[in-house]
C-alpha cells in the first residue's frame, strides 16, 4: 500500500487502467479456451444424438409388424416378459 501511496494521481490511473485492460484480456483468453474445449464435446453429443435418432427411426419402422405378431397373452413375471421381448427383438 505504501508503494501505491507514493504514486502520483496520473501514475495511479495508468496502473489501474493497465490492470483493467489485463483483466479483460485474461477473461477473453479464458472464455476462448473454454468455448473451444467444449466444442468437441458438443460435436460428440450431436453425433451421438443423430445415431440415437437413426436407431429410433429404424425401431419405429419395425413396430407395426411386431405389434401384429405379438398377440398372445402375457404370463409370468414382468422381468421374464421384458427379457423375452428384448431377446426376440434383438436389442
C-alpha atoms as a PDB file:
ATOM      1  CA  UNK A   1       0.000   0.000   0.000  1.00  0.00           C
ATOM      2  CA  UNK A   2       2.896   2.356   0.649  1.00  0.00           C
ATOM      3  CA  UNK A   3       4.023   1.889  -2.938  1.00  0.00           C
ATOM      4  CA  UNK A   4       0.579   2.887  -4.193  1.00  0.00           C
ATOM      5  CA  UNK A   5       0.505   5.963  -1.982  1.00  0.00           C
ATOM      6  CA  UNK A   6       3.862   7.132  -3.377  1.00  0.00           C
ATOM      7  CA  UNK A   7       2.453   7.248  -6.930  1.00  0.00           C
ATOM      8  CA  UNK A   8       1.015  10.436  -8.349  1.00  0.00           C
ATOM      9  CA  UNK A   9      -2.637  10.517  -9.404  1.00  0.00           C
ATOM     10  CA  UNK A  10      -1.641  10.189 -13.073  1.00  0.00           C
ATOM     11  CA  UNK A  11       0.509   7.096 -12.343  1.00  0.00           C
ATOM     12  CA  UNK A  12      -2.302   5.542 -10.299  1.00  0.00           C
ATOM     13  CA  UNK A  13      -4.709   5.984 -13.202  1.00  0.00           C
ATOM     14  CA  UNK A  14      -2.219   4.451 -15.642  1.00  0.00           C
ATOM     15  CA  UNK A  15      -1.563   1.430 -13.392  1.00  0.00           C
ATOM     16  CA  UNK A  16      -5.279   0.943 -12.671  1.00  0.00           C
ATOM     17  CA  UNK A  17      -6.139   1.250 -16.381  1.00  0.00           C
ATOM     18  CA  UNK A  18      -3.434  -1.239 -17.331  1.00  0.00           C
ATOM     19  CA  UNK A  19      -4.748  -3.618 -14.681  1.00  0.00           C
ATOM     20  CA  UNK A  20      -8.266  -3.386 -16.097  1.00  0.00           C
ATOM     21  CA  UNK A  21      -7.016  -3.992 -19.631  1.00  0.00           C
ATOM     22  CA  UNK A  22      -5.088  -7.055 -18.450  1.00  0.00           C
ATOM     23  CA  UNK A  23      -8.159  -8.306 -16.585  1.00  0.00           C
ATOM     24  CA  UNK A  24     -10.315  -8.035 -19.718  1.00  0.00           C
ATOM     25  CA  UNK A  25      -7.658  -9.743 -21.847  1.00  0.00           C
ATOM     26  CA  UNK A  26      -7.362 -12.564 -19.314  1.00  0.00           C
ATOM     27  CA  UNK A  27     -11.150 -13.025 -19.213  1.00  0.00           C
ATOM     28  CA  UNK A  28     -11.269 -13.137 -23.013  1.00  0.00           C
ATOM     29  CA  UNK A  29      -8.479 -15.721 -23.240  1.00  0.00           C
ATOM     30  CA  UNK A  30     -10.135 -17.920 -20.623  1.00  0.00           C
ATOM     31  CA  UNK A  31     -13.522 -17.721 -22.344  1.00  0.00           C
ATOM     32  CA  UNK A  32     -11.907 -18.599 -25.695  1.00  0.00           C
ATOM     33  CA  UNK A  33     -10.245 -21.676 -24.203  1.00  0.00           C
ATOM     34  CA  UNK A  34     -13.447 -22.825 -22.532  1.00  0.00           C
ATOM     35  CA  UNK A  35     -15.530 -22.408 -25.680  1.00  0.00           C
ATOM     36  CA  UNK A  36     -13.057 -24.252 -27.920  1.00  0.00           C
ATOM     37  CA  UNK A  37     -12.653 -27.033 -25.358  1.00  0.00           C
ATOM     38  CA  UNK A  38     -16.394 -27.593 -25.123  1.00  0.00           C
ATOM     39  CA  UNK A  39     -16.980 -27.549 -28.874  1.00  0.00           C
ATOM     40  CA  UNK A  40     -15.543 -31.058 -29.224  1.00  0.00           C
ATOM     41  CA  UNK A  41     -17.890 -32.309 -26.510  1.00  0.00           C
ATOM     42  CA  UNK A  42     -20.884 -30.695 -28.185  1.00  0.00           C
ATOM     43  CA  UNK A  43     -19.972 -32.186 -31.554  1.00  0.00           C
ATOM     44  CA  UNK A  44     -19.672 -35.638 -29.948  1.00  0.00           C
ATOM     45  CA  UNK A  45     -23.073 -35.204 -28.299  1.00  0.00           C
ATOM     46  CA  UNK A  46     -24.616 -34.181 -31.621  1.00  0.00           C
ATOM     47  CA  UNK A  47     -23.171 -37.267 -33.364  1.00  0.00           C
ATOM     48  CA  UNK A  48     -24.466 -39.495 -30.560  1.00  0.00           C
ATOM     49  CA  UNK A  49     -27.918 -37.903 -30.763  1.00  0.00           C
ATOM     50  CA  UNK A  50     -28.003 -38.404 -34.541  1.00  0.00           C
ATOM     51  CA  UNK A  51     -27.066 -42.073 -34.103  1.00  0.00           C
ATOM     52  CA  UNK A  52     -29.769 -42.472 -31.464  1.00  0.00           C
ATOM     53  CA  UNK A  53     -32.315 -40.838 -33.753  1.00  0.00           C
ATOM     54  CA  UNK A  54     -31.436 -43.174 -36.626  1.00  0.00           C
ATOM     55  CA  UNK A  55     -31.801 -46.189 -34.333  1.00  0.00           C
ATOM     56  CA  UNK A  56     -35.166 -44.945 -33.033  1.00  0.00           C
ATOM     57  CA  UNK A  57     -36.452 -44.380 -36.569  1.00  0.00           C
ATOM     58  CA  UNK A  58     -35.426 -47.908 -37.567  1.00  0.00           C
ATOM     59  CA  UNK A  59     -37.031 -49.345 -34.438  1.00  0.00           C
ATOM     60  CA  UNK A  60     -40.224 -47.351 -35.051  1.00  0.00           C
ATOM     61  CA  UNK A  61     -40.398 -48.672 -38.605  1.00  0.00           C
ATOM     62  CA  UNK A  62     -40.377 -52.235 -37.235  1.00  0.00           C
ATOM     63  CA  UNK A  63     -43.139 -51.600 -34.673  1.00  0.00           C
ATOM     64  CA  UNK A  64     -46.236 -52.108 -36.863  1.00  0.00           C
ATOM     65  CA  UNK A  65     -45.036 -55.544 -37.979  1.00  0.00           C
ATOM     66  CA  UNK A  66     -44.078 -56.525 -34.454  1.00  0.00           C
ATOM     67  CA  UNK A  67     -47.427 -55.462 -32.993  1.00  0.00           C
ATOM     68  CA  UNK A  68     -49.298 -57.793 -35.312  1.00  0.00           C
ATOM     69  CA  UNK A  69     -47.007 -60.699 -34.367  1.00  0.00           C
ATOM     70  CA  UNK A  70     -47.331 -60.226 -30.581  1.00  0.00           C
ATOM     71  CA  UNK A  71     -50.985 -61.110 -29.937  1.00  0.00           C
ATOM     72  CA  UNK A  72     -50.531 -63.850 -27.360  1.00  0.00           C
ATOM     73  CA  UNK A  73     -51.355 -63.131 -23.686  1.00  0.00           C
ATOM     74  CA  UNK A  74     -48.574 -62.295 -21.287  1.00  0.00           C
ATOM     75  CA  UNK A  75     -47.965 -64.784 -18.479  1.00  0.00           C
ATOM     76  CA  UNK A  76     -45.270 -64.871 -15.806  1.00  0.00           C
ATOM     77  CA  UNK A  77     -43.353 -62.016 -14.259  1.00  0.00           C
ATOM     78  CA  UNK A  78     -42.644 -58.680 -15.829  1.00  0.00           C
ATOM     79  CA  UNK A  79     -38.910 -59.364 -15.795  1.00  0.00           C
ATOM     80  CA  UNK A  80     -39.370 -62.556 -17.818  1.00  0.00           C
ATOM     81  CA  UNK A  81     -41.643 -60.764 -20.266  1.00  0.00           C
ATOM     82  CA  UNK A  82     -39.099 -57.973 -20.812  1.00  0.00           C
ATOM     83  CA  UNK A  83     -36.248 -60.453 -21.225  1.00  0.00           C
ATOM     84  CA  UNK A  84     -38.210 -62.431 -23.812  1.00  0.00           C
ATOM     85  CA  UNK A  85     -39.208 -59.288 -25.687  1.00  0.00           C
ATOM     86  CA  UNK A  86     -35.646 -57.955 -25.745  1.00  0.00           C
ATOM     87  CA  UNK A  87     -34.345 -61.308 -26.966  1.00  0.00           C
ATOM     88  CA  UNK A  88     -36.991 -61.552 -29.651  1.00  0.00           C
ATOM     89  CA  UNK A  89     -36.361 -58.024 -30.907  1.00  0.00           C
ATOM     90  CA  UNK A  90     -32.594 -58.445 -30.858  1.00  0.00           C
ATOM     91  CA  UNK A  91     -31.957 -55.416 -28.676  1.00  0.00           C
END
